[in-house]
Amino acid sequence: MSVGVRAVADRIVSPDAPRDPSFNFSFSPFLAKTFSFGLASDVPVCKAYREGHCPLGPTCPDRHPTPSRISSATSPAISASTHGTLVCKHFLKGLCKKGIKCEYLHEYNLRRMPECQNFARTGYCPNGDECLYQHVPEEAKLPPCEHYERGFCELGPLCAKKHVRKKLCRFYLAGFCPEGRACLEGSHPRWPDNLPKPMIKVAKTEADLERERARIREEQEKEEEREREWRRENRGRDGRFGRGRTRDGNRTGHHNHVKTVQPRTFGLRFNLNLGNHQFRKQQLDLNIAAHV
């Protein structure tokens, strides 16, 4: 990379570089609003954001750095929590009562959506690609292999843990890197001395998969049965569905419970037939024409 190209790249990437109109991109407003990119380093970090939540949100004039950019020593509250990093699930349904005081995001950001519970539990989501929640594959949840991070794992692709490819610093592997934490050659992994032996990855057989499917079906049937039982209890309690009781204390659901209204020329006659007992109320003659 030539000196001129490196200088241009530094001007674009560096947040402290003076703004040049020729380097404005279509996504620059999104970066400035979401990640506070472009703010000078002398702009103070928002105190309310350090404590967990800022009511001003993206409109705050102070910096809102991401948790990875904040030292855990200076702001343990943010680094140890999910404040401002996940979208509020109640906001997605329009049911969040906290408003601007909510510690979660009130925005439609697909990269910060919480994990889909259906996909996490069963590996299947009925919404498919249209689901607003994250579908995290099972392989992504595996812990990294300590032996592979040290440089070699004897099990290779059969290892039960995840092999994350990282570029290691050649000077650090040789024994010493003069750049220390500021090294740009690669990562400096820390290796414990008492590593457990790697384990072989065990593939699930067809019988195991069938047992897993049966367990999922059983859980779904139990959930449906609980829902049906809840509906039956509610129908019997309020009387609006099925054969519950009405407000008058009589049972519903029988054909002999008839309530009729018979009009007359100059009046209205109300005949109420309840059950096997017929009660005829006093005839009410309302001379509508006289009042009109």
C-alpha atoms as a PDB file:
ATOM      1  CA  MET A   1       0.000   0.000   0.000  1.00  0.00           C
ATOM      2  CA  SER A   2       1.484   3.311  -1.071  1.00  0.00           C
ATOM      3  CA  VAL A   3       1.856   6.278   1.235  1.00  0.00           C
ATOM      4  CA  GLY A   4      -0.830   8.275  -0.572  1.00  0.00           C
ATOM      5  CA  VAL A   5      -3.423   5.490  -0.374  1.00  0.00           C
ATOM      6  CA  ARG A   6      -2.622   4.886   3.309  1.00  0.00           C
ATOM      7  CA  ALA A   7      -3.068   8.596   4.059  1.00  0.00           C
ATOM      8  CA  VAL A   8      -6.472   8.614   2.351  1.00  0.00           C
ATOM      9  CA  ALA A   9      -7.513   5.463   4.233  1.00  0.00           C
ATOM     10  CA  ASP A  10      -6.438   7.000   7.543  1.00  0.00           C
ATOM     11  CA  ARG A  11      -8.467  10.124   6.813  1.00  0.00           C
ATOM     12  CA  ILE A  12     -11.564   8.039   6.121  1.00  0.00           C
ATOM     13  CA  VAL A  13     -11.255   5.614   9.028  1.00  0.00           C
ATOM     14  CA  SER A  14      -9.979   7.959  11.743  1.00  0.00           C
ATOM     15  CA  PRO A  15     -12.873   9.475  13.739  1.00  0.00           C
ATOM     16  CA  ASP A  16     -10.734  12.512  14.620  1.00  0.00           C
ATOM     17  CA  ALA A  17      -9.967  13.412  11.004  1.00  0.00           C
ATOM     18  CA  PRO A  18     -11.549  16.606   9.639  1.00  0.00           C
ATOM     19  CA  ARG A  19     -14.659  15.978   7.614  1.00  0.00           C
ATOM     20  CA  ASP A  20     -14.290  16.112   3.871  1.00  0.00           C
ATOM     21  CA  PRO A  21     -17.477  16.353   1.765  1.00  0.00           C
ATOM     22  CA  SER A  22     -15.937  14.075  -0.851  1.00  0.00           C
ATOM     23  CA  PHE A  23     -15.821  11.213   1.687  1.00  0.00           C
ATOM     24  CA  ASN A  24     -19.496  11.288   2.693  1.00  0.00           C
ATOM     25  CA  PHE A  25     -21.254   7.994   2.040  1.00  0.00           C
ATOM     26  CA  SER A  26     -24.943   7.098   2.000  1.00  0.00           C
ATOM     27  CA  PHE A  27     -24.546   5.128   5.237  1.00  0.00           C
ATOM     28  CA  SER A  28     -22.649   7.877   7.078  1.00  0.00           C
ATOM     29  CA  PRO A  29     -25.801   9.225   8.830  1.00  0.00           C
ATOM     30  CA  PHE A  30     -26.596   5.710  10.061  1.00  0.00           C
ATOM     31  CA  LEU A  31     -23.097   5.275  11.498  1.00  0.00           C
ATOM     32  CA  ALA A  32     -23.188   8.687  13.142  1.00  0.00           C
ATOM     33  CA  LYS A  33     -26.636   8.058  14.634  1.00  0.00           C
ATOM     34  CA  THR A  34     -26.167   4.458  15.749  1.00  0.00           C
ATOM     35  CA  PHE A  35     -22.473   4.271  16.697  1.00  0.00           C
ATOM     36  CA  SER A  36     -21.590   7.980  17.110  1.00  0.00           C
ATOM     37  CA  PHE A  37     -18.965   7.720  14.375  1.00  0.00           C
ATOM     38  CA  GLY A  38     -17.477  11.031  13.330  1.00  0.00           C
ATOM     39  CA  LEU A  39     -17.512  12.649  16.773  1.00  0.00           C
ATOM     40  CA  ALA A  40     -14.208  14.056  17.942  1.00  0.00           C
ATOM     41  CA  SER A  41     -12.407  12.212  20.722  1.00  0.00           C
ATOM     42  CA  ASP A  42     -12.582  15.270  22.981  1.00  0.00           C
ATOM     43  CA  VAL A  43     -16.397  15.018  23.111  1.00  0.00           C
ATOM     44  CA  PRO A  44     -17.183  13.562  26.555  1.00  0.00           C
ATOM     45  CA  VAL A  45     -18.908  10.228  26.989  1.00  0.00           C
ATOM     46  CA  CYS A  46     -22.516  10.565  28.142  1.00  0.00           C
ATOM     47  CA  LYS A  47     -22.757   9.988  31.914  1.00  0.00           C
ATOM     48  CA  ALA A  48     -26.311   8.686  31.690  1.00  0.00           C
ATOM     49  CA  TYR A  49     -25.222   6.172  29.036  1.00  0.00           C
ATOM     50  CA  ARG A  50     -22.422   4.952  31.309  1.00  0.00           C
ATOM     51  CA  GLU A  51     -24.956   4.311  34.071  1.00  0.00           C
ATOM     52  CA  GLY A  52     -27.053   2.175  31.783  1.00  0.00           C
ATOM     53  CA  HIS A  53     -29.452   4.314  29.765  1.00  0.00           C
ATOM     54  CA  CYS A  54     -29.657   7.749  28.203  1.00  0.00           C
ATOM     55  CA  PRO A  55     -33.168   9.158  27.677  1.00  0.00           C
ATOM     56  CA  LEU A  56     -32.018  11.192  24.661  1.00  0.00           C
ATOM     57  CA  GLY A  57     -30.893   8.138  22.738  1.00  0.00           C
ATOM     58  CA  PRO A  58     -29.231   8.808  19.363  1.00  0.00           C
ATOM     59  CA  THR A  59     -30.031  12.539  19.623  1.00  0.00           C
ATOM     60  CA  CYS A  60     -27.685  12.989  22.602  1.00  0.00           C
ATOM     61  CA  PRO A  61     -24.849  15.442  21.800  1.00  0.00           C
ATOM     62  CA  ASP A  62     -22.379  13.397  23.856  1.00  0.00           C
ATOM     63  CA  ARG A  63     -20.750  10.186  22.741  1.00  0.00           C
ATOM     64  CA  HIS A  64     -22.454   6.791  23.147  1.00  0.00           C
ATOM     65  CA  PRO A  65     -19.606   4.341  22.482  1.00  0.00           C
ATOM     66  CA  THR A  66     -20.372   0.681  21.965  1.00  0.00           C
ATOM     67  CA  PRO A  67     -19.638  -1.702  24.886  1.00  0.00           C
ATOM     68  CA  SER A  68     -16.603  -3.140  23.079  1.00  0.00           C
ATOM     69  CA  ARG A  69     -15.021   0.321  23.007  1.00  0.00           C
ATOM     70  CA  ILE A  70     -15.603   1.021  26.665  1.00  0.00           C
ATOM     71  CA  SER A  71     -13.121  -0.213  29.212  1.00  0.00           C
ATOM     72  CA  SER A  72     -14.622  -2.420  31.886  1.00  0.00           C
ATOM     73  CA  ALA A  73     -12.635  -0.512  34.483  1.00  0.00           C
ATOM     74  CA  THR A  74     -14.206   2.827  33.558  1.00  0.00           C
ATOM     75  CA  SER A  75     -17.733   1.625  32.891  1.00  0.00           C
ATOM     76  CA  PRO A  76     -18.496  -1.785  34.393  1.00  0.00           C
ATOM     77  CA  ALA A  77     -22.227  -1.110  34.262  1.00  0.00           C
ATOM     78  CA  ILE A  78     -22.363  -1.151  30.473  1.00  0.00           C
ATOM     79  CA  SER A  79     -19.807  -3.856  29.827  1.00  0.00           C
ATOM     80  CA  ALA A  80     -21.603  -6.267  32.157  1.00  0.00           C
ATOM     81  CA  SER A  81     -25.124  -5.616  30.857  1.00  0.00           C
ATOM     82  CA  THR A  82     -27.151  -5.532  27.672  1.00  0.00           C
ATOM     83  CA  HIS A  83     -28.372  -1.956  28.067  1.00  0.00           C
ATOM     84  CA  GLY A  84     -28.837  -0.414  24.652  1.00  0.00           C
ATOM     85  CA  THR A  85     -27.596  -3.481  22.766  1.00  0.00           C
ATOM     86  CA  LEU A  86     -30.820  -5.458  22.224  1.00  0.00           C
ATOM     87  CA  VAL A  87     -34.143  -4.445  20.717  1.00  0.00           C
ATOM     88  CA  CYS A  88     -37.054  -4.403  23.165  1.00  0.00           C
ATOM     89  CA  LYS A  89     -39.352  -7.351  22.398  1.00  0.00           C
ATOM     90  CA  HIS A  90     -42.319  -5.508  23.896  1.00  0.00           C
ATOM     91  CA  PHE A  91     -41.638  -2.570  21.567  1.00  0.00           C
ATOM     92  CA  LEU A  92     -41.894  -4.906  18.580  1.00  0.00           C
ATOM     93  CA  LYS A  93     -45.424  -5.812  19.716  1.00  0.00           C
ATOM     94  CA  GLY A  94     -46.319  -2.227  20.575  1.00  0.00           C
ATOM     95  CA  LEU A  95     -46.717  -3.083  24.271  1.00  0.00           C
ATOM     96  CA  CYS A  96     -43.718  -1.423  25.968  1.00  0.00           C
ATOM     97  CA  LYS A  97     -44.902   0.780  28.838  1.00  0.00           C
ATOM     98  CA  LYS A  98     -41.508   2.256  29.749  1.00  0.00           C
ATOM     99  CA  GLY A  99     -41.178   4.479  26.711  1.00  0.00           C
ATOM    100  CA  ILE A 100     -37.937   6.455  26.686  1.00  0.00           C
ATOM    101  CA  LYS A 101     -37.022   4.980  30.088  1.00  0.00           C
ATOM    102  CA  CYS A 102     -36.718   1.473  28.654  1.00  0.00           C
ATOM    103  CA  GLU A 103     -33.210   0.053  28.939  1.00  0.00           C
ATOM    104  CA  TYR A 104     -33.542  -1.706  25.563  1.00  0.00           C
ATOM    105  CA  LEU A 105     -33.597  -0.275  22.054  1.00  0.00           C
ATOM    106  CA  HIS A 106     -36.814   1.006  20.536  1.00  0.00           C
ATOM    107  CA  GLU A 107     -35.888   0.617  16.878  1.00  0.00           C
ATOM    108  CA  TYR A 108     -36.108  -1.944  14.108  1.00  0.00           C
ATOM    109  CA  ASN A 109     -32.484  -3.038  13.892  1.00  0.00           C
ATOM    110  CA  LEU A 110     -32.212  -6.596  12.600  1.00  0.00           C
ATOM    111  CA  ARG A 111     -28.629  -6.921  13.828  1.00  0.00           C
ATOM    112  CA  ARG A 112     -29.688  -6.269  17.426  1.00  0.00           C
ATOM    113  CA  MET A 113     -32.825  -8.372  17.581  1.00  0.00           C
ATOM    114  CA  PRO A 114     -33.054 -10.932  20.407  1.00  0.00           C
ATOM    115  CA  GLU A 115     -32.719 -14.610  19.651  1.00  0.00           C
ATOM    116  CA  CYS A 116     -35.739 -16.460  18.277  1.00  0.00           C
ATOM    117  CA  GLN A 117     -36.975 -18.823  20.989  1.00  0.00           C
ATOM    118  CA  ASN A 118     -38.699 -21.202  18.554  1.00  0.00           C
ATOM    119  CA  PHE A 119     -35.545 -21.647  16.489  1.00  0.00           C
ATOM    120  CA  ALA A 120     -33.366 -21.966  19.596  1.00  0.00           C
ATOM    121  CA  ARG A 121     -35.630 -24.623  21.124  1.00  0.00           C
ATOM    122  CA  THR A 122     -36.593 -26.735  18.114  1.00  0.00           C
ATOM    123  CA  GLY A 123     -34.284 -25.630  15.319  1.00  0.00           C
ATOM    124  CA  TYR A 124     -37.316 -24.587  13.257  1.00  0.00           C
ATOM    125  CA  CYS A 125     -39.227 -21.329  12.980  1.00  0.00           C
ATOM    126  CA  PRO A 126     -42.607 -21.156  11.183  1.00  0.00           C
ATOM    127  CA  ASN A 127     -41.855 -17.592  10.056  1.00  0.00           C
ATOM    128  CA  GLY A 128     -38.722 -18.653   8.215  1.00  0.00           C
ATOM    129  CA  ASP A 129     -36.669 -15.862   6.683  1.00  0.00           C
ATOM    130  CA  GLU A 130     -39.400 -13.327   7.511  1.00  0.00           C
ATOM    131  CA  CYS A 131     -38.850 -13.758  11.265  1.00  0.00           C
ATOM    132  CA  LEU A 132     -37.696 -10.547  12.942  1.00  0.00           C
ATOM    133  CA  TYR A 133     -35.625 -12.392  15.545  1.00  0.00           C
ATOM    134  CA  GLN A 134     -32.148 -13.831  15.112  1.00  0.00           C
ATOM    135  CA  HIS A 135     -31.784 -17.450  14.034  1.00  0.00           C
ATOM    136  CA  VAL A 136     -28.499 -18.478  15.636  1.00  0.00           C
ATOM    137  CA  PRO A 137     -27.298 -21.893  14.398  1.00  0.00           C
ATOM    138  CA  GLU A 138     -26.239 -24.482  16.927  1.00  0.00           C
ATOM    139  CA  GLU A 139     -22.662 -24.511  15.609  1.00  0.00           C
ATOM    140  CA  ALA A 140     -22.255 -20.826  16.414  1.00  0.00           C
ATOM    141  CA  LYS A 141     -22.999 -21.472  20.100  1.00  0.00           C
ATOM    142  CA  LEU A 142     -20.155 -23.949  20.541  1.00  0.00           C
ATOM    143  CA  PRO A 143     -17.232 -22.780  22.689  1.00  0.00           C
ATOM    144  CA  PRO A 144     -13.904 -22.241  20.905  1.00  0.00           C
ATOM    145  CA  CYS A 145     -11.320 -24.982  21.047  1.00  0.00           C
ATOM    146  CA  GLU A 146      -8.416 -24.067  23.320  1.00  0.00           C
ATOM    147  CA  HIS A 147      -5.993 -26.347  21.481  1.00  0.00           C
ATOM    148  CA  TYR A 148      -6.833 -24.822  18.105  1.00  0.00           C
ATOM    149  CA  GLU A 149      -6.271 -21.361  19.546  1.00  0.00           C
ATOM    150  CA  ARG A 150      -2.808 -22.466  20.630  1.00  0.00           C
ATOM    151  CA  GLY A 151      -2.040 -23.458  17.063  1.00  0.00           C
ATOM    152  CA  PHE A 152      -2.974 -27.138  16.651  1.00  0.00           C
ATOM    153  CA  CYS A 153      -5.815 -29.529  17.495  1.00  0.00           C
ATOM    154  CA  GLU A 154      -5.157 -33.199  16.888  1.00  0.00           C
ATOM    155  CA  LEU A 155      -8.844 -33.976  16.236  1.00  0.00           C
ATOM    156  CA  GLY A 156      -9.194 -31.539  13.368  1.00  0.00           C
ATOM    157  CA  PRO A 157     -12.763 -31.388  11.963  1.00  0.00           C
ATOM    158  CA  LEU A 158     -13.860 -34.136  14.379  1.00  0.00           C
ATOM    159  CA  CYS A 159     -13.414 -31.833  17.375  1.00  0.00           C
ATOM    160  CA  ALA A 160     -16.597 -31.179  19.351  1.00  0.00           C
ATOM    161  CA  LYS A 161     -15.679 -27.512  19.827  1.00  0.00           C
ATOM    162  CA  LYS A 162     -15.497 -24.656  17.373  1.00  0.00           C
ATOM    163  CA  HIS A 163     -12.316 -23.957  15.435  1.00  0.00           C
ATOM    164  CA  VAL A 164     -12.115 -20.194  14.971  1.00  0.00           C
ATOM    165  CA  ARG A 165      -9.534 -19.168  12.445  1.00  0.00           C
ATOM    166  CA  LYS A 166      -7.455 -16.269  13.687  1.00  0.00           C
ATOM    167  CA  LYS A 167      -4.269 -14.771  12.419  1.00  0.00           C
ATOM    168  CA  LEU A 168      -1.666 -15.075  15.160  1.00  0.00           C
ATOM    169  CA  CYS A 169       1.206 -12.688  15.584  1.00  0.00           C
ATOM    170  CA  ARG A 170       4.392 -14.377  14.355  1.00  0.00           C
ATOM    171  CA  PHE A 171       6.525 -12.404  16.813  1.00  0.00           C
ATOM    172  CA  TYR A 172       4.282 -13.456  19.707  1.00  0.00           C
ATOM    173  CA  LEU A 173       4.558 -17.093  18.597  1.00  0.00           C
ATOM    174  CA  ALA A 174       8.332 -16.702  18.503  1.00  0.00           C
ATOM    175  CA  GLY A 175       8.312 -15.613  22.140  1.00  0.00           C
ATOM    176  CA  PHE A 176       8.127 -11.806  22.205  1.00  0.00           C
ATOM    177  CA  CYS A 177       6.315  -9.013  20.381  1.00  0.00           C
ATOM    178  CA  PRO A 178       7.699  -5.481  20.897  1.00  0.00           C
ATOM    179  CA  GLU A 179       4.340  -3.849  19.973  1.00  0.00           C
ATOM    180  CA  GLY A 180       2.459  -5.442  22.862  1.00  0.00           C
ATOM    181  CA  ARG A 181      -1.280  -4.721  22.886  1.00  0.00           C
ATOM    182  CA  ALA A 182      -0.884  -2.252  20.002  1.00  0.00           C
ATOM    183  CA  CYS A 183       0.273  -5.023  17.674  1.00  0.00           C
ATOM    184  CA  LEU A 184      -1.409  -5.111  14.265  1.00  0.00           C
ATOM    185  CA  GLU A 185       0.246  -8.308  13.025  1.00  0.00           C
ATOM    186  CA  GLY A 186      -2.268 -10.618  14.688  1.00  0.00           C
ATOM    187  CA  SER A 187      -3.798 -11.744  17.961  1.00  0.00           C
ATOM    188  CA  HIS A 188      -1.925 -12.486  21.180  1.00  0.00           C
ATOM    189  CA  PRO A 189      -3.832 -15.393  22.751  1.00  0.00           C
ATOM    190  CA  ARG A 190      -3.415 -16.278  26.395  1.00  0.00           C
ATOM    191  CA  TRP A 191      -2.997 -19.988  26.917  1.00  0.00           C
ATOM    192  CA  PRO A 192      -3.669 -21.708  30.232  1.00  0.00           C
ATOM    193  CA  ASP A 193      -1.413 -24.543  31.268  1.00  0.00           C
ATOM    194  CA  ASN A 194      -4.061 -27.080  32.334  1.00  0.00           C
ATOM    195  CA  LEU A 195      -6.023 -27.559  29.123  1.00  0.00           C
ATOM    196  CA  PRO A 196      -8.570 -30.407  29.006  1.00  0.00           C
ATOM    197  CA  LYS A 197      -8.081 -33.068  26.372  1.00  0.00           C
ATOM    198  CA  PRO A 198     -10.059 -32.493  23.166  1.00  0.00           C
ATOM    199  CA  MET A 199     -13.173 -34.606  22.667  1.00  0.00           C
ATOM    200  CA  ILE A 200     -14.441 -36.206  19.484  1.00  0.00           C
ATOM    201  CA  LYS A 201     -17.616 -34.750  18.042  1.00  0.00           C
ATOM    202  CA  VAL A 202     -20.481 -37.222  18.328  1.00  0.00           C
ATOM    203  CA  ALA A 203     -23.007 -37.094  15.500  1.00  0.00           C
ATOM    204  CA  LYS A 204     -26.644 -37.686  16.397  1.00  0.00           C
ATOM    205  CA  THR A 205     -28.119 -40.916  15.112  1.00  0.00           C
ATOM    206  CA  GLU A 206     -31.556 -41.261  13.555  1.00  0.00           C
ATOM    207  CA  ALA A 207     -32.862 -42.691  16.834  1.00  0.00           C
ATOM    208  CA  ASP A 208     -31.601 -39.660  18.743  1.00  0.00           C
ATOM    209  CA  LEU A 209     -33.237 -37.321  16.242  1.00  0.00           C
ATOM    210  CA  GLU A 210     -36.509 -39.240  16.489  1.00  0.00           C
ATOM    211  CA  ARG A 211     -36.449 -39.038  20.288  1.00  0.00           C
ATOM    212  CA  GLU A 212     -35.811 -35.303  20.029  1.00  0.00           C
ATOM    213  CA  ARG A 213     -38.756 -34.899  17.651  1.00  0.00           C
ATOM    214  CA  ALA A 214     -40.990 -36.960  19.947  1.00  0.00           C
ATOM    215  CA  ARG A 215     -40.015 -34.813  22.916  1.00  0.00           C
ATOM    216  CA  ILE A 216     -40.797 -31.641  20.971  1.00  0.00           C
ATOM    217  CA  ARG A 217     -44.171 -33.043  19.849  1.00  0.00           C
ATOM    218  CA  GLU A 218     -44.994 -34.027  23.432  1.00  0.00           C
ATOM    219  CA  GLU A 219     -44.178 -30.535  24.680  1.00  0.00           C
ATOM    220  CA  GLN A 220     -46.345 -28.992  21.982  1.00  0.00           C
ATOM    221  CA  GLU A 221     -49.262 -31.311  22.821  1.00  0.00           C
ATOM    222  CA  LYS A 222     -48.980 -30.444  26.503  1.00  0.00           C
ATOM    223  CA  GLU A 223     -48.955 -26.756  25.657  1.00  0.00           C
ATOM    224  CA  GLU A 224     -52.046 -27.152  23.457  1.00  0.00           C
ATOM    225  CA  GLU A 225     -53.818 -29.139  26.188  1.00  0.00           C
ATOM    226  CA  ARG A 226     -53.070 -26.439  28.757  1.00  0.00           C
ATOM    227  CA  GLU A 227     -54.430 -23.834  26.370  1.00  0.00           C
ATOM    228  CA  ARG A 228     -57.629 -25.850  25.765  1.00  0.00           C
ATOM    229  CA  GLU A 229     -58.097 -26.341  29.508  1.00  0.00           C
ATOM    230  CA  TRP A 230     -57.649 -22.624  30.094  1.00  0.00           C
ATOM    231  CA  ARG A 231     -60.269 -21.847  27.438  1.00  0.00           C
ATOM    232  CA  ARG A 232     -62.741 -24.329  28.925  1.00  0.00           C
ATOM    233  CA  GLU A 233     -62.347 -22.805  32.361  1.00  0.00           C
ATOM    234  CA  ASN A 234     -62.856 -19.284  31.031  1.00  0.00           C
ATOM    235  CA  ARG A 235     -65.901 -20.295  29.024  1.00  0.00           C
ATOM    236  CA  GLY A 236     -67.507 -21.877  32.045  1.00  0.00           C
ATOM    237  CA  ARG A 237     -66.646 -18.920  34.238  1.00  0.00           C
ATOM    238  CA  ASP A 238     -67.938 -15.932  32.285  1.00  0.00           C
ATOM    239  CA  GLY A 239     -70.729 -17.645  30.340  1.00  0.00           C
ATOM    240  CA  ARG A 240     -70.055 -15.974  27.037  1.00  0.00           C
ATOM    241  CA  PHE A 241     -69.015 -19.204  25.344  1.00  0.00           C
ATOM    242  CA  GLY A 242     -70.444 -22.695  25.581  1.00  0.00           C
ATOM    243  CA  ARG A 243     -72.863 -23.643  28.367  1.00  0.00           C
ATOM    244  CA  GLY A 244     -71.884 -21.215  31.039  1.00  0.00           C
ATOM    245  CA  ARG A 245     -74.252 -19.146  33.133  1.00  0.00           C
ATOM    246  CA  THR A 246     -75.620 -15.804  32.168  1.00  0.00           C
ATOM    247  CA  ARG A 247     -75.799 -12.777  34.394  1.00  0.00           C
ATOM    248  CA  ASP A 248     -79.365 -13.753  35.404  1.00  0.00           C
ATOM    249  CA  GLY A 249     -78.123 -17.085  36.738  1.00  0.00           C
ATOM    250  CA  ASN A 250     -79.728 -19.179  33.984  1.00  0.00           C
ATOM    251  CA  ARG A 251     -77.881 -21.637  31.811  1.00  0.00           C
ATOM    252  CA  THR A 252     -77.224 -20.895  28.178  1.00  0.00           C
ATOM    253  CA  GLY A 253     -76.959 -23.237  25.222  1.00  0.00           C
ATOM    254  CA  HIS A 254     -80.620 -24.512  25.203  1.00  0.00           C
ATOM    255  CA  HIS A 255     -83.136 -23.811  22.448  1.00  0.00           C
ATOM    256  CA  ASN A 256     -86.025 -23.096  24.821  1.00  0.00           C
ATOM    257  CA  HIS A 257     -84.298 -19.963  26.051  1.00  0.00           C
ATOM    258  CA  VAL A 258     -85.965 -17.479  23.747  1.00  0.00           C
ATOM    259  CA  LYS A 259     -86.069 -13.756  24.034  1.00  0.00           C
ATOM    260  CA  THR A 260     -88.422 -12.103  21.561  1.00  0.00           C
ATOM    261  CA  VAL A 261     -89.495  -8.541  20.944  1.00  0.00           C
ATOM    262  CA  GLN A 262     -92.879  -8.120  19.272  1.00  0.00           C
ATOM    263  CA  PRO A 263     -93.742  -4.645  18.008  1.00  0.00           C
ATOM    264  CA  ARG A 264     -97.289  -3.211  17.873  1.00  0.00           C
ATOM    265  CA  THR A 265     -98.768  -0.369  15.867  1.00  0.00           C
ATOM    266  CA  PHE A 266     -98.669   2.187  18.697  1.00  0.00           C
ATOM    267  CA  GLY A 267     -96.664   0.332  21.270  1.00  0.00           C
ATOM    268  CA  LEU A 268     -94.113  -2.289  22.136  1.00  0.00           C
ATOM    269  CA  ARG A 269     -94.870  -5.579  23.808  1.00  0.00           C
ATOM    270  CA  PHE A 270     -91.990  -7.363  25.487  1.00  0.00           C
ATOM    271  CA  ASN A 271     -92.478 -11.088  25.886  1.00  0.00           C
ATOM    272  CA  LEU A 272     -89.740 -12.742  27.852  1.00  0.00           C
ATOM    273  CA  ASN A 273     -89.776 -16.544  27.763  1.00  0.00           C
ATOM    274  CA  LEU A 274     -87.084 -17.869  30.081  1.00  0.00           C
ATOM    275  CA  GLY A 275     -86.764 -21.661  30.435  1.00  0.00           C
ATOM    276  CA  ASN A 276     -90.007 -23.584  30.943  1.00  0.00           C
ATOM    277  CA  HIS A 277     -91.533 -20.705  32.957  1.00  0.00           C
ATOM    278  CA  GLN A 278     -93.054 -17.929  30.933  1.00  0.00           C
ATOM    279  CA  PHE A 279     -93.358 -14.529  32.486  1.00  0.00           C
ATOM    280  CA  ARG A 280     -95.392 -11.906  30.778  1.00  0.00           C
ATOM    281  CA  LYS A 281     -94.575  -8.431  31.832  1.00  0.00           C
ATOM    282  CA  GLN A 282     -96.984  -5.591  31.868  1.00  0.00           C
ATOM    283  CA  GLN A 283     -97.847  -4.290  28.450  1.00  0.00           C
ATOM    284  CA  LEU A 284     -96.239  -0.954  27.759  1.00  0.00           C
ATOM    285  CA  ASP A 285     -98.017   1.213  25.263  1.00  0.00           C
ATOM    286  CA  LEU A 286     -95.890   4.065  24.068  1.00  0.00           C
ATOM    287  CA  ASN A 287     -97.696   6.449  21.810  1.00  0.00           C
ATOM    288  CA  ILE A 288     -94.772   7.430  19.646  1.00  0.00           C
ATOM    289  CA  ALA A 289     -96.820   9.527  17.261  1.00  0.00           C
ATOM    290  CA  ALA A 290     -98.060  11.743  20.087  1.00  0.00           C
ATOM    291  CA  HIS A 291     -94.538  12.513  21.257  1.00  0.00           C
ATOM    292  CA  VAL A 292     -93.333  13.217  17.761  1.00  0.00           C
END
